[in-house]
Amino acid sequence: MRRGKGVIGIALLVSAVLAGTSACGGKESASADSGDGKGGSSGGASASAHPSPSHTHPSGPPMLLETIAPLDKATVGVAMPVSVVFTNPVATSARSNIEKHLKISATVPTTGAWHWMGDKRVDWRPQNYWKSGTKVRIDADLKDVSNGSGRYGTHGYTHSFTIGDDVRADASVTGHTMKVTRNGATVRTLSINAGSAQYPTWNGTMAVIDKQEKVHMTSCSVGISCDKGDANYYDLTLPWDIHLTQSGTYVHFSTGDTNPGSGSALGSHGCVHLSLADAKWFYGQVKQGDPVTVTGSPRAKAPADNGYASFNLSWSQWLDGSASGAKTTAAL
């Protein structure tokens, strides 16, 4: 995005699950538990959407789920985790038992593990990317299961989804290009601009959270500037927006950077800019869970809980956050 008095694209987002605001790199980090986000941006459905009938359970208030992602019957990308968000904190002592009651089944045997993102969110990711065509089901059999703090599950929940085509995007900040592949074959290489020295883009792999044809973007929402006379102030609605992090990283078109590439190299507040035609084309190619990998930025990798950036942790780091360890999916 153009810095100075040019227009700049950064999103204003309000989350129902992860409350707060977010935009293209306005904040250094965004924890899913501390809460940057956008309504529905996790792509999860309310966990109450598929409850089994309630029944008698141990005394105490209910243990409820806020969301399960991805949506039931969704088709998602190869980097998509299963993400379960609880309404109330889960005690450390209860996590191993809860993991045992969150069963992942798949048509292709897949090794993976749960990882706790604080005390309300737990994600399951495969050790390596999913194989395209795999059908997956999560059975959250939480009836009578304790959260370790006096709450007990009263329902079971089931979500099924499919892994679609293996679509990947690899963005080089220094090369001003983004290569898009589908099932291993290069489809197109696009010209881009990424973050500036002051507002660099996150490095690493970020699975697409969601996408919108238009997003309202403001500098005030992320604390960059609320002063209309400031060079970094902006208040815009921009098209063809691919959402990568809860802190507000997007791949999109910016009116302040209409012809991105090495010739212009204007820089942004952390987003990846495409031309209008390329942004519309890319929007039509990607889906939730497709991995977008950024290299060459001076910024660190996006934290694993900043959206769906689970593959920014090594497998050993991922297992460090698991209470029950690695397991192979059950047959589906």
C-alpha atoms as a PDB file:
ATOM      1  CA  MET A   1       0.000   0.000   0.000  1.00  0.00           C
ATOM      2  CA  ARG A   2       1.204   3.528  -0.687  1.00  0.00           C
ATOM      3  CA  ARG A   3       2.665   5.220   2.332  1.00  0.00           C
ATOM      4  CA  GLY A   4       2.356   8.958   2.660  1.00  0.00           C
ATOM      5  CA  LYS A   5      -0.870  10.565   1.541  1.00  0.00           C
ATOM      6  CA  GLY A   6      -1.796   7.775  -0.852  1.00  0.00           C
ATOM      7  CA  VAL A   7      -4.596   5.437  -0.081  1.00  0.00           C
ATOM      8  CA  ILE A   8      -3.742   2.337   1.892  1.00  0.00           C
ATOM      9  CA  GLY A   9      -5.691  -0.910   2.356  1.00  0.00           C
ATOM     10  CA  ILE A  10      -6.015  -2.288   5.858  1.00  0.00           C
ATOM     11  CA  ALA A  11      -9.082  -3.972   7.244  1.00  0.00           C
ATOM     12  CA  LEU A  12     -11.420  -3.097  10.055  1.00  0.00           C
ATOM     13  CA  LEU A  13     -12.761  -6.373  11.420  1.00  0.00           C
ATOM     14  CA  VAL A  14     -15.079  -7.202  14.304  1.00  0.00           C
ATOM     15  CA  SER A  15     -15.102 -10.799  15.519  1.00  0.00           C
ATOM     16  CA  ALA A  16     -17.884 -12.700  17.171  1.00  0.00           C
ATOM     17  CA  VAL A  17     -15.445 -15.353  18.325  1.00  0.00           C
ATOM     18  CA  LEU A  18     -12.149 -13.537  18.667  1.00  0.00           C
ATOM     19  CA  ALA A  19     -13.209 -10.038  19.620  1.00  0.00           C
ATOM     20  CA  GLY A  20     -11.231  -7.001  18.568  1.00  0.00           C
ATOM     21  CA  THR A  21     -10.049  -5.220  15.466  1.00  0.00           C
ATOM     22  CA  SER A  22      -7.452  -6.169  12.924  1.00  0.00           C
ATOM     23  CA  ALA A  23      -5.724  -4.908   9.822  1.00  0.00           C
ATOM     24  CA  CYS A  24      -2.636  -5.283   7.648  1.00  0.00           C
ATOM     25  CA  GLY A  25       0.014  -5.610  10.320  1.00  0.00           C
ATOM     26  CA  GLY A  26      -1.151  -2.802  12.569  1.00  0.00           C
ATOM     27  CA  LYS A  27      -0.299  -4.855  15.636  1.00  0.00           C
ATOM     28  CA  GLU A  28       2.819  -6.893  16.301  1.00  0.00           C
ATOM     29  CA  SER A  29       0.921 -10.045  17.187  1.00  0.00           C
ATOM     30  CA  ALA A  30      -2.580 -11.353  17.498  1.00  0.00           C
ATOM     31  CA  SER A  31      -3.397 -14.196  19.841  1.00  0.00           C
ATOM     32  CA  ALA A  32      -6.601 -16.034  19.187  1.00  0.00           C
ATOM     33  CA  ASP A  33      -7.155 -16.011  22.923  1.00  0.00           C
ATOM     34  CA  SER A  34      -6.414 -12.333  23.441  1.00  0.00           C
ATOM     35  CA  GLY A  35      -8.605 -11.616  20.513  1.00  0.00           C
ATOM     36  CA  ASP A  36      -8.080  -9.982  17.166  1.00  0.00           C
ATOM     37  CA  GLY A  37     -10.555 -10.987  14.541  1.00  0.00           C
ATOM     38  CA  LYS A  38     -13.614 -10.753  12.450  1.00  0.00           C
ATOM     39  CA  GLY A  39     -17.095 -12.117  12.736  1.00  0.00           C
ATOM     40  CA  GLY A  40     -17.076 -15.638  11.349  1.00  0.00           C
ATOM     41  CA  SER A  41     -13.510 -15.208  10.154  1.00  0.00           C
ATOM     42  CA  SER A  42     -12.382 -18.453  11.709  1.00  0.00           C
ATOM     43  CA  GLY A  43     -14.718 -20.178   9.260  1.00  0.00           C
ATOM     44  CA  GLY A  44     -16.241 -22.195  12.080  1.00  0.00           C
ATOM     45  CA  ALA A  45     -19.904 -22.915  12.559  1.00  0.00           C
ATOM     46  CA  SER A  46     -21.548 -22.474  15.911  1.00  0.00           C
ATOM     47  CA  ALA A  47     -20.967 -25.743  17.693  1.00  0.00           C
ATOM     48  CA  SER A  48     -24.614 -25.855  18.644  1.00  0.00           C
ATOM     49  CA  ALA A  49     -25.540 -26.312  14.985  1.00  0.00           C
ATOM     50  CA  HIS A  50     -25.270 -30.107  15.157  1.00  0.00           C
ATOM     51  CA  PRO A  51     -26.015 -31.167  18.738  1.00  0.00           C
ATOM     52  CA  SER A  52     -27.161 -34.603  19.730  1.00  0.00           C
ATOM     53  CA  PRO A  53     -30.054 -34.733  22.212  1.00  0.00           C
ATOM     54  CA  SER A  54     -29.186 -33.625  25.714  1.00  0.00           C
ATOM     55  CA  HIS A  55     -29.410 -36.088  28.573  1.00  0.00           C
ATOM     56  CA  THR A  56     -28.699 -36.360  32.269  1.00  0.00           C
ATOM     57  CA  HIS A  57     -25.162 -35.281  33.083  1.00  0.00           C
ATOM     58  CA  PRO A  58     -23.058 -34.548  36.159  1.00  0.00           C
ATOM     59  CA  SER A  59     -24.149 -31.536  38.181  1.00  0.00           C
ATOM     60  CA  GLY A  60     -22.607 -28.246  37.155  1.00  0.00           C
ATOM     61  CA  PRO A  61     -22.974 -25.694  34.370  1.00  0.00           C
ATOM     62  CA  PRO A  62     -22.575 -26.905  30.769  1.00  0.00           C
ATOM     63  CA  MET A  63     -19.263 -26.985  28.923  1.00  0.00           C
ATOM     64  CA  LEU A  64     -20.079 -25.305  25.611  1.00  0.00           C
ATOM     65  CA  LEU A  65     -18.287 -24.989  22.306  1.00  0.00           C
ATOM     66  CA  GLU A  66     -18.179 -21.599  20.609  1.00  0.00           C
ATOM     67  CA  THR A  67     -17.197 -22.897  17.165  1.00  0.00           C
ATOM     68  CA  ILE A  68     -15.872 -25.853  15.243  1.00  0.00           C
ATOM     69  CA  ALA A  69     -13.982 -25.141  12.029  1.00  0.00           C
ATOM     70  CA  PRO A  70     -14.185 -25.876   9.198  1.00  0.00           C
ATOM     71  CA  LEU A  71     -17.903 -25.695   8.515  1.00  0.00           C
ATOM     72  CA  ASP A  72     -19.804 -28.937   8.234  1.00  0.00           C
ATOM     73  CA  LYS A  73     -19.777 -30.178   4.607  1.00  0.00           C
ATOM     74  CA  ALA A  74     -17.097 -27.622   3.610  1.00  0.00           C
ATOM     75  CA  THR A  75     -14.382 -28.192   1.016  1.00  0.00           C
ATOM     76  CA  VAL A  76     -11.092 -26.777   2.263  1.00  0.00           C
ATOM     77  CA  GLY A  77      -7.397 -26.601   1.450  1.00  0.00           C
ATOM     78  CA  VAL A  78      -4.540 -28.903   2.360  1.00  0.00           C
ATOM     79  CA  ALA A  79      -3.290 -26.708   5.247  1.00  0.00           C
ATOM     80  CA  MET A  80      -6.636 -26.406   7.047  1.00  0.00           C
ATOM     81  CA  PRO A  81      -6.620 -27.433  10.713  1.00  0.00           C
ATOM     82  CA  VAL A  82      -9.590 -28.600  12.722  1.00  0.00           C
ATOM     83  CA  SER A  83     -10.142 -25.786  15.214  1.00  0.00           C
ATOM     84  CA  VAL A  84     -12.345 -26.117  18.305  1.00  0.00           C
ATOM     85  CA  VAL A  85     -13.078 -23.061  20.441  1.00  0.00           C
ATOM     86  CA  PHE A  86     -14.596 -23.449  23.903  1.00  0.00           C
ATOM     87  CA  THR A  87     -16.756 -20.803  25.516  1.00  0.00           C
ATOM     88  CA  ASN A  88     -15.026 -21.182  28.891  1.00  0.00           C
ATOM     89  CA  PRO A  89     -11.411 -21.979  29.837  1.00  0.00           C
ATOM     90  CA  VAL A  90     -10.300 -25.611  29.927  1.00  0.00           C
ATOM     91  CA  ALA A  91      -8.034 -26.556  32.808  1.00  0.00           C
ATOM     92  CA  THR A  92      -4.665 -28.081  31.959  1.00  0.00           C
ATOM     93  CA  SER A  93      -5.589 -31.201  33.934  1.00  0.00           C
ATOM     94  CA  ALA A  94      -8.619 -31.838  31.691  1.00  0.00           C
ATOM     95  CA  ARG A  95      -7.002 -31.382  28.289  1.00  0.00           C
ATOM     96  CA  SER A  96      -5.748 -34.914  27.719  1.00  0.00           C
ATOM     97  CA  ASN A  97      -9.198 -36.368  28.377  1.00  0.00           C
ATOM     98  CA  ILE A  98     -10.857 -33.784  26.145  1.00  0.00           C
ATOM     99  CA  GLU A  99      -8.429 -34.582  23.310  1.00  0.00           C
ATOM    100  CA  LYS A 100      -9.370 -38.254  23.633  1.00  0.00           C
ATOM    101  CA  HIS A 101     -13.008 -37.288  23.103  1.00  0.00           C
ATOM    102  CA  LEU A 102     -12.249 -35.237  19.991  1.00  0.00           C
ATOM    103  CA  LYS A 103     -11.945 -38.038  17.424  1.00  0.00           C
ATOM    104  CA  ILE A 104     -10.605 -37.356  13.928  1.00  0.00           C
ATOM    105  CA  SER A 105     -11.433 -39.884  11.194  1.00  0.00           C
ATOM    106  CA  ALA A 106     -10.305 -39.772   7.566  1.00  0.00           C
ATOM    107  CA  THR A 107     -10.497 -41.814   4.380  1.00  0.00           C
ATOM    108  CA  VAL A 108      -6.705 -41.522   4.032  1.00  0.00           C
ATOM    109  CA  PRO A 109      -4.748 -42.489   7.196  1.00  0.00           C
ATOM    110  CA  THR A 110      -3.188 -39.238   8.398  1.00  0.00           C
ATOM    111  CA  THR A 111      -0.884 -38.631  11.357  1.00  0.00           C
ATOM    112  CA  GLY A 112      -1.650 -35.512  13.339  1.00  0.00           C
ATOM    113  CA  ALA A 113      -2.079 -34.045  16.808  1.00  0.00           C
ATOM    114  CA  TRP A 114      -3.992 -31.514  18.855  1.00  0.00           C
ATOM    115  CA  HIS A 115      -2.304 -28.327  20.069  1.00  0.00           C
ATOM    116  CA  TRP A 116      -3.707 -25.916  22.670  1.00  0.00           C
ATOM    117  CA  MET A 117      -3.730 -22.236  21.742  1.00  0.00           C
ATOM    118  CA  GLY A 118      -4.220 -20.975  25.295  1.00  0.00           C
ATOM    119  CA  ASP A 119      -7.071 -22.341  27.413  1.00  0.00           C
ATOM    120  CA  LYS A 120     -10.054 -21.989  25.056  1.00  0.00           C
ATOM    121  CA  ARG A 121      -8.842 -23.089  21.638  1.00  0.00           C
ATOM    122  CA  VAL A 122      -7.408 -26.417  20.510  1.00  0.00           C
ATOM    123  CA  ASP A 123      -6.439 -27.174  16.888  1.00  0.00           C
ATOM    124  CA  TRP A 124      -5.665 -30.487  15.174  1.00  0.00           C
ATOM    125  CA  ARG A 125      -3.306 -30.416  12.196  1.00  0.00           C
ATOM    126  CA  PRO A 126      -1.706 -33.186  10.195  1.00  0.00           C
ATOM    127  CA  GLN A 127       2.043 -33.616  10.473  1.00  0.00           C
ATOM    128  CA  ASN A 128       2.233 -32.719   6.792  1.00  0.00           C
ATOM    129  CA  TYR A 129      -0.411 -31.249   4.516  1.00  0.00           C
ATOM    130  CA  TRP A 130      -3.594 -33.223   3.930  1.00  0.00           C
ATOM    131  CA  LYS A 131      -3.834 -35.265   0.741  1.00  0.00           C
ATOM    132  CA  SER A 132      -6.327 -33.849  -1.764  1.00  0.00           C
ATOM    133  CA  GLY A 133      -9.580 -35.787  -1.903  1.00  0.00           C
ATOM    134  CA  THR A 134      -9.403 -36.908   1.722  1.00  0.00           C
ATOM    135  CA  LYS A 135     -12.734 -36.908   3.515  1.00  0.00           C
ATOM    136  CA  VAL A 136     -12.482 -35.986   7.184  1.00  0.00           C
ATOM    137  CA  ARG A 137     -14.837 -36.107  10.159  1.00  0.00           C
ATOM    138  CA  ILE A 138     -14.524 -34.787  13.692  1.00  0.00           C
ATOM    139  CA  ASP A 139     -16.678 -36.398  16.367  1.00  0.00           C
ATOM    140  CA  ALA A 140     -16.636 -34.260  19.498  1.00  0.00           C
ATOM    141  CA  ASP A 141     -18.121 -36.771  21.949  1.00  0.00           C
ATOM    142  CA  LEU A 142     -18.143 -34.419  24.927  1.00  0.00           C
ATOM    143  CA  LYS A 143     -21.213 -35.644  26.816  1.00  0.00           C
ATOM    144  CA  ASP A 144     -20.372 -35.745  30.556  1.00  0.00           C
ATOM    145  CA  VAL A 145     -16.746 -34.739  29.844  1.00  0.00           C
ATOM    146  CA  SER A 146     -15.335 -32.221  32.329  1.00  0.00           C
ATOM    147  CA  ASN A 147     -13.410 -29.054  31.510  1.00  0.00           C
ATOM    148  CA  GLY A 148     -11.633 -29.368  34.863  1.00  0.00           C
ATOM    149  CA  SER A 149     -13.374 -26.293  36.261  1.00  0.00           C
ATOM    150  CA  GLY A 150     -16.768 -27.660  37.200  1.00  0.00           C
ATOM    151  CA  ARG A 151     -18.370 -27.672  33.747  1.00  0.00           C
ATOM    152  CA  TYR A 152     -19.498 -30.768  31.863  1.00  0.00           C
ATOM    153  CA  GLY A 153     -20.373 -31.398  28.235  1.00  0.00           C
ATOM    154  CA  THR A 154     -24.016 -32.063  27.468  1.00  0.00           C
ATOM    155  CA  HIS A 155     -23.889 -32.699  23.705  1.00  0.00           C
ATOM    156  CA  GLY A 156     -21.913 -34.436  21.041  1.00  0.00           C
ATOM    157  CA  TYR A 157     -21.035 -32.629  17.795  1.00  0.00           C
ATOM    158  CA  THR A 158     -20.017 -33.864  14.362  1.00  0.00           C
ATOM    159  CA  HIS A 159     -18.508 -31.971  11.427  1.00  0.00           C
ATOM    160  CA  SER A 160     -17.500 -33.581   8.126  1.00  0.00           C
ATOM    161  CA  PHE A 161     -15.472 -31.902   5.393  1.00  0.00           C
ATOM    162  CA  THR A 162     -13.434 -32.660   2.281  1.00  0.00           C
ATOM    163  CA  ILE A 163      -9.908 -31.676   1.274  1.00  0.00           C
ATOM    164  CA  GLY A 164     -10.125 -30.112  -2.159  1.00  0.00           C
ATOM    165  CA  ASP A 165      -7.487 -29.374  -4.804  1.00  0.00           C
ATOM    166  CA  ASP A 166      -3.969 -28.675  -3.541  1.00  0.00           C
ATOM    167  CA  VAL A 167      -3.798 -24.940  -4.258  1.00  0.00           C
ATOM    168  CA  ARG A 168      -0.754 -23.082  -2.927  1.00  0.00           C
ATOM    169  CA  ALA A 169       0.597 -19.552  -3.268  1.00  0.00           C
ATOM    170  CA  ASP A 170       4.261 -18.686  -2.647  1.00  0.00           C
ATOM    171  CA  ALA A 171       4.967 -14.975  -2.316  1.00  0.00           C
ATOM    172  CA  SER A 172       8.490 -13.565  -2.516  1.00  0.00           C
ATOM    173  CA  VAL A 173       8.704 -10.149  -0.849  1.00  0.00           C
ATOM    174  CA  THR A 174      12.085  -9.350  -2.412  1.00  0.00           C
ATOM    175  CA  GLY A 175      11.199 -10.806  -5.809  1.00  0.00           C
ATOM    176  CA  HIS A 176       7.797  -9.042  -5.958  1.00  0.00           C
ATOM    177  CA  THR A 177       6.160 -12.210  -7.269  1.00  0.00           C
ATOM    178  CA  MET A 178       3.625 -14.776  -6.108  1.00  0.00           C
ATOM    179  CA  LYS A 179       3.556 -18.202  -7.758  1.00  0.00           C
ATOM    180  CA  VAL A 180       0.224 -20.004  -7.701  1.00  0.00           C
ATOM    181  CA  THR A 181       0.165 -23.782  -8.140  1.00  0.00           C
ATOM    182  CA  ARG A 182      -2.655 -26.292  -8.354  1.00  0.00           C
ATOM    183  CA  ASN A 183      -1.973 -29.972  -7.650  1.00  0.00           C
ATOM    184  CA  GLY A 184       1.750 -29.386  -8.195  1.00  0.00           C
ATOM    185  CA  ALA A 185       1.515 -27.533 -11.509  1.00  0.00           C
ATOM    186  CA  THR A 186       2.230 -23.812 -11.813  1.00  0.00           C
ATOM    187  CA  VAL A 187      -0.892 -21.943 -12.905  1.00  0.00           C
ATOM    188  CA  ARG A 188       0.333 -18.335 -12.902  1.00  0.00           C
ATOM    189  CA  THR A 189       3.042 -16.122 -11.431  1.00  0.00           C
ATOM    190  CA  LEU A 190       1.657 -12.755 -10.323  1.00  0.00           C
ATOM    191  CA  SER A 191       3.357  -9.421  -9.636  1.00  0.00           C
ATOM    192  CA  ILE A 192       3.012  -8.243  -6.025  1.00  0.00           C
ATOM    193  CA  ASN A 193       4.102  -5.693  -3.493  1.00  0.00           C
ATOM    194  CA  ALA A 194       4.271  -6.618   0.177  1.00  0.00           C
ATOM    195  CA  GLY A 195       4.955  -4.768   3.425  1.00  0.00           C
ATOM    196  CA  SER A 196       7.191  -1.760   3.925  1.00  0.00           C
ATOM    197  CA  ALA A 197      10.200  -1.555   6.235  1.00  0.00           C
ATOM    198  CA  GLN A 198       7.987   0.060   8.875  1.00  0.00           C
ATOM    199  CA  TYR A 199       5.105  -2.380   8.420  1.00  0.00           C
ATOM    200  CA  PRO A 200       6.565  -5.655   7.113  1.00  0.00           C
ATOM    201  CA  THR A 201       4.447  -8.624   6.095  1.00  0.00           C
ATOM    202  CA  TRP A 202       4.439 -11.706   8.271  1.00  0.00           C
ATOM    203  CA  ASN A 203       6.732 -14.447   6.993  1.00  0.00           C
ATOM    204  CA  GLY A 204       5.720 -18.072   6.943  1.00  0.00           C
ATOM    205  CA  THR A 205       2.699 -20.111   5.934  1.00  0.00           C
ATOM    206  CA  MET A 206      -0.796 -18.828   6.619  1.00  0.00           C
ATOM    207  CA  ALA A 207      -3.804 -20.899   5.597  1.00  0.00           C
ATOM    208  CA  VAL A 208      -6.628 -18.820   4.164  1.00  0.00           C
ATOM    209  CA  ILE A 209      -9.146 -17.942   6.897  1.00  0.00           C
ATOM    210  CA  ASP A 210     -11.868 -16.701   4.559  1.00  0.00           C
ATOM    211  CA  LYS A 211     -12.400 -14.336   1.638  1.00  0.00           C
ATOM    212  CA  GLN A 212     -14.717 -11.415   0.903  1.00  0.00           C
ATOM    213  CA  GLU A 213     -15.497  -9.461  -2.233  1.00  0.00           C
ATOM    214  CA  LYS A 214     -15.210  -6.191  -0.266  1.00  0.00           C
ATOM    215  CA  VAL A 215     -13.698  -5.259   3.102  1.00  0.00           C
ATOM    216  CA  HIS A 216     -13.876  -1.923   4.903  1.00  0.00           C
ATOM    217  CA  MET A 217     -10.354  -0.962   5.942  1.00  0.00           C
ATOM    218  CA  THR A 218      -9.312   1.811   8.328  1.00  0.00           C
ATOM    219  CA  SER A 219      -6.085   2.899   9.994  1.00  0.00           C
ATOM    220  CA  CYS A 220      -7.875   3.865  13.197  1.00  0.00           C
ATOM    221  CA  SER A 221      -9.120   0.307  13.788  1.00  0.00           C
ATOM    222  CA  VAL A 222      -5.588  -0.941  14.431  1.00  0.00           C
ATOM    223  CA  GLY A 223      -4.155   2.074  16.185  1.00  0.00           C
ATOM    224  CA  ILE A 224      -2.043   3.303  13.272  1.00  0.00           C
ATOM    225  CA  SER A 225      -3.748   6.687  13.079  1.00  0.00           C
ATOM    226  CA  CYS A 226      -7.163   8.163  13.757  1.00  0.00           C
ATOM    227  CA  ASP A 227      -6.050  11.607  12.612  1.00  0.00           C
ATOM    228  CA  LYS A 228      -7.429  12.433   9.157  1.00  0.00           C
ATOM    229  CA  GLY A 229      -4.495  14.764   8.607  1.00  0.00           C
ATOM    230  CA  ASP A 230      -1.934  12.043   9.241  1.00  0.00           C
ATOM    231  CA  ALA A 231      -0.022  10.672   6.249  1.00  0.00           C
ATOM    232  CA  ASN A 232      -0.893   7.112   7.308  1.00  0.00           C
ATOM    233  CA  TYR A 233      -4.618   7.703   7.778  1.00  0.00           C
ATOM    234  CA  TYR A 234      -7.031   5.808   5.532  1.00  0.00           C
ATOM    235  CA  ASP A 235     -10.677   4.778   5.465  1.00  0.00           C
ATOM    236  CA  LEU A 236     -11.433   2.644   2.424  1.00  0.00           C
ATOM    237  CA  THR A 237     -13.478  -0.250   1.126  1.00  0.00           C
ATOM    238  CA  LEU A 238     -11.344  -2.412  -1.160  1.00  0.00           C
ATOM    239  CA  PRO A 239     -12.188  -5.457  -3.306  1.00  0.00           C
ATOM    240  CA  TRP A 240     -11.095  -9.086  -3.680  1.00  0.00           C
ATOM    241  CA  ASP A 241      -9.797  -9.729  -0.174  1.00  0.00           C
ATOM    242  CA  ILE A 242      -8.143 -13.000   0.897  1.00  0.00           C
ATOM    243  CA  HIS A 243      -7.868 -13.077   4.697  1.00  0.00           C
ATOM    244  CA  LEU A 244      -4.642 -14.599   6.080  1.00  0.00           C
ATOM    245  CA  THR A 245      -4.299 -13.558   9.741  1.00  0.00           C
ATOM    246  CA  GLN A 246      -6.539 -12.346  12.537  1.00  0.00           C
ATOM    247  CA  SER A 247      -4.189  -9.371  12.924  1.00  0.00           C
ATOM    248  CA  GLY A 248      -5.310  -8.367   9.448  1.00  0.00           C
ATOM    249  CA  THR A 249      -2.961  -9.640   6.752  1.00  0.00           C
ATOM    250  CA  TYR A 250      -4.697  -9.854   3.373  1.00  0.00           C
ATOM    251  CA  VAL A 251      -3.892 -10.561  -0.234  1.00  0.00           C
ATOM    252  CA  HIS A 252      -5.946  -7.957  -2.111  1.00  0.00           C
ATOM    253  CA  PHE A 253      -6.133  -4.996  -4.456  1.00  0.00           C
ATOM    254  CA  SER A 254      -5.257  -1.529  -3.165  1.00  0.00           C
ATOM    255  CA  THR A 255      -6.209   1.692  -4.916  1.00  0.00           C
ATOM    256  CA  GLY A 256      -2.952   3.154  -3.651  1.00  0.00           C
ATOM    257  CA  ASP A 257      -0.871   0.494  -5.418  1.00  0.00           C
ATOM    258  CA  THR A 258      -2.650  -0.232  -8.669  1.00  0.00           C
ATOM    259  CA  ASN A 259       0.287  -1.774 -10.582  1.00  0.00           C
ATOM    260  CA  PRO A 260       2.331  -3.723  -8.045  1.00  0.00           C
ATOM    261  CA  GLY A 261       5.665  -5.287  -8.895  1.00  0.00           C
ATOM    262  CA  SER A 262       9.366  -4.553  -8.762  1.00  0.00           C
ATOM    263  CA  GLY A 263       8.906  -1.420 -10.851  1.00  0.00           C
ATOM    264  CA  SER A 264       6.708   0.304  -8.269  1.00  0.00           C
ATOM    265  CA  ALA A 265       7.616  -1.467  -4.994  1.00  0.00           C
ATOM    266  CA  LEU A 266       5.529   0.955  -2.971  1.00  0.00           C
ATOM    267  CA  GLY A 267       5.147  -1.255   0.083  1.00  0.00           C
ATOM    268  CA  SER A 268       2.139  -1.729   2.341  1.00  0.00           C
ATOM    269  CA  HIS A 269       1.196  -1.952   5.983  1.00  0.00           C
ATOM    270  CA  GLY A 270       1.737  -5.703   5.829  1.00  0.00           C
ATOM    271  CA  CYS A 271      -0.731  -6.873   3.191  1.00  0.00           C
ATOM    272  CA  VAL A 272       0.181  -8.390  -0.173  1.00  0.00           C
ATOM    273  CA  HIS A 273      -1.007  -6.241  -3.088  1.00  0.00           C
ATOM    274  CA  LEU A 274      -2.122  -7.477  -6.497  1.00  0.00           C
ATOM    275  CA  SER A 275      -3.383  -5.587  -9.516  1.00  0.00           C
ATOM    276  CA  LEU A 276      -7.161  -5.403  -9.803  1.00  0.00           C
ATOM    277  CA  ALA A 277      -7.309  -8.073 -12.507  1.00  0.00           C
ATOM    278  CA  ASP A 278      -4.917 -10.385 -10.660  1.00  0.00           C
ATOM    279  CA  ALA A 279      -6.718  -9.877  -7.346  1.00  0.00           C
ATOM    280  CA  LYS A 280     -10.032 -10.884  -8.913  1.00  0.00           C
ATOM    281  CA  TRP A 281      -8.435 -13.911 -10.564  1.00  0.00           C
ATOM    282  CA  PHE A 282      -6.704 -15.024  -7.348  1.00  0.00           C
ATOM    283  CA  TYR A 283      -9.946 -14.600  -5.424  1.00  0.00           C
ATOM    284  CA  GLY A 284     -11.524 -17.142  -7.743  1.00  0.00           C
ATOM    285  CA  GLN A 285      -8.717 -19.670  -7.250  1.00  0.00           C
ATOM    286  CA  VAL A 286      -8.391 -19.984  -3.475  1.00  0.00           C
ATOM    287  CA  LYS A 287     -10.534 -21.343  -0.673  1.00  0.00           C
ATOM    288  CA  GLN A 288     -10.362 -21.603   3.091  1.00  0.00           C
ATOM    289  CA  GLY A 289      -7.349 -23.659   4.176  1.00  0.00           C
ATOM    290  CA  ASP A 290      -5.192 -23.073   1.085  1.00  0.00           C
ATOM    291  CA  PRO A 291      -1.627 -22.237   2.209  1.00  0.00           C
ATOM    292  CA  VAL A 292      -0.111 -18.863   1.322  1.00  0.00           C
ATOM    293  CA  THR A 293       3.613 -18.807   2.139  1.00  0.00           C
ATOM    294  CA  VAL A 294       5.554 -15.546   2.393  1.00  0.00           C
ATOM    295  CA  THR A 295       9.354 -15.441   2.242  1.00  0.00           C
ATOM    296  CA  GLY A 296      11.923 -12.656   2.230  1.00  0.00           C
ATOM    297  CA  SER A 297      10.287 -10.371   4.780  1.00  0.00           C
ATOM    298  CA  PRO A 298      12.265  -9.030   7.763  1.00  0.00           C
ATOM    299  CA  ARG A 299       9.337  -9.921  10.018  1.00  0.00           C
ATOM    300  CA  ALA A 300       9.066 -13.176  11.962  1.00  0.00           C
ATOM    301  CA  LYS A 301       6.668 -15.952  11.029  1.00  0.00           C
ATOM    302  CA  ALA A 302       3.065 -15.352  11.993  1.00  0.00           C
ATOM    303  CA  PRO A 303       2.205 -16.946  15.359  1.00  0.00           C
ATOM    304  CA  ALA A 304       0.376 -20.242  14.982  1.00  0.00           C
ATOM    305  CA  ASP A 305      -2.777 -18.853  16.619  1.00  0.00           C
ATOM    306  CA  ASN A 306      -2.877 -15.742  14.427  1.00  0.00           C
ATOM    307  CA  GLY A 307      -5.533 -17.248  12.203  1.00  0.00           C
ATOM    308  CA  TYR A 308      -4.573 -20.676  10.853  1.00  0.00           C
ATOM    309  CA  ALA A 309      -0.780 -20.478  10.834  1.00  0.00           C
ATOM    310  CA  SER A 310      -0.227 -23.880  12.437  1.00  0.00           C
ATOM    311  CA  PHE A 311       2.410 -24.922   9.903  1.00  0.00           C
ATOM    312  CA  ASN A 312       4.682 -22.141  11.162  1.00  0.00           C
ATOM    313  CA  LEU A 313       5.482 -24.471  14.052  1.00  0.00           C
ATOM    314  CA  SER A 314       7.735 -27.460  13.503  1.00  0.00           C
ATOM    315  CA  TRP A 315       6.198 -30.845  14.224  1.00  0.00           C
ATOM    316  CA  SER A 316       8.101 -31.100  17.514  1.00  0.00           C
ATOM    317  CA  GLN A 317       6.910 -27.625  18.530  1.00  0.00           C
ATOM    318  CA  TRP A 318       3.366 -28.589  17.647  1.00  0.00           C
ATOM    319  CA  LEU A 319       3.581 -31.719  19.796  1.00  0.00           C
ATOM    320  CA  ASP A 320       4.838 -29.639  22.717  1.00  0.00           C
ATOM    321  CA  GLY A 321       1.355 -28.100  22.891  1.00  0.00           C
ATOM    322  CA  SER A 322      -0.464 -31.446  22.811  1.00  0.00           C
ATOM    323  CA  ALA A 323      -1.712 -33.254  25.899  1.00  0.00           C
ATOM    324  CA  SER A 324      -2.082 -36.666  24.220  1.00  0.00           C
ATOM    325  CA  GLY A 325       0.545 -36.704  21.452  1.00  0.00           C
ATOM    326  CA  ALA A 326       0.511 -37.761  17.806  1.00  0.00           C
ATOM    327  CA  LYS A 327      -2.050 -40.229  16.513  1.00  0.00           C
ATOM    328  CA  THR A 328      -3.166 -41.595  13.171  1.00  0.00           C
ATOM    329  CA  THR A 329      -6.726 -40.831  12.137  1.00  0.00           C
ATOM    330  CA  ALA A 330      -9.365 -43.510  12.523  1.00  0.00           C
ATOM    331  CA  ALA A 331     -10.718 -45.101   9.357  1.00  0.00           C
ATOM    332  CA  LEU A 332     -13.674 -43.359   7.750  1.00  0.00           C
END
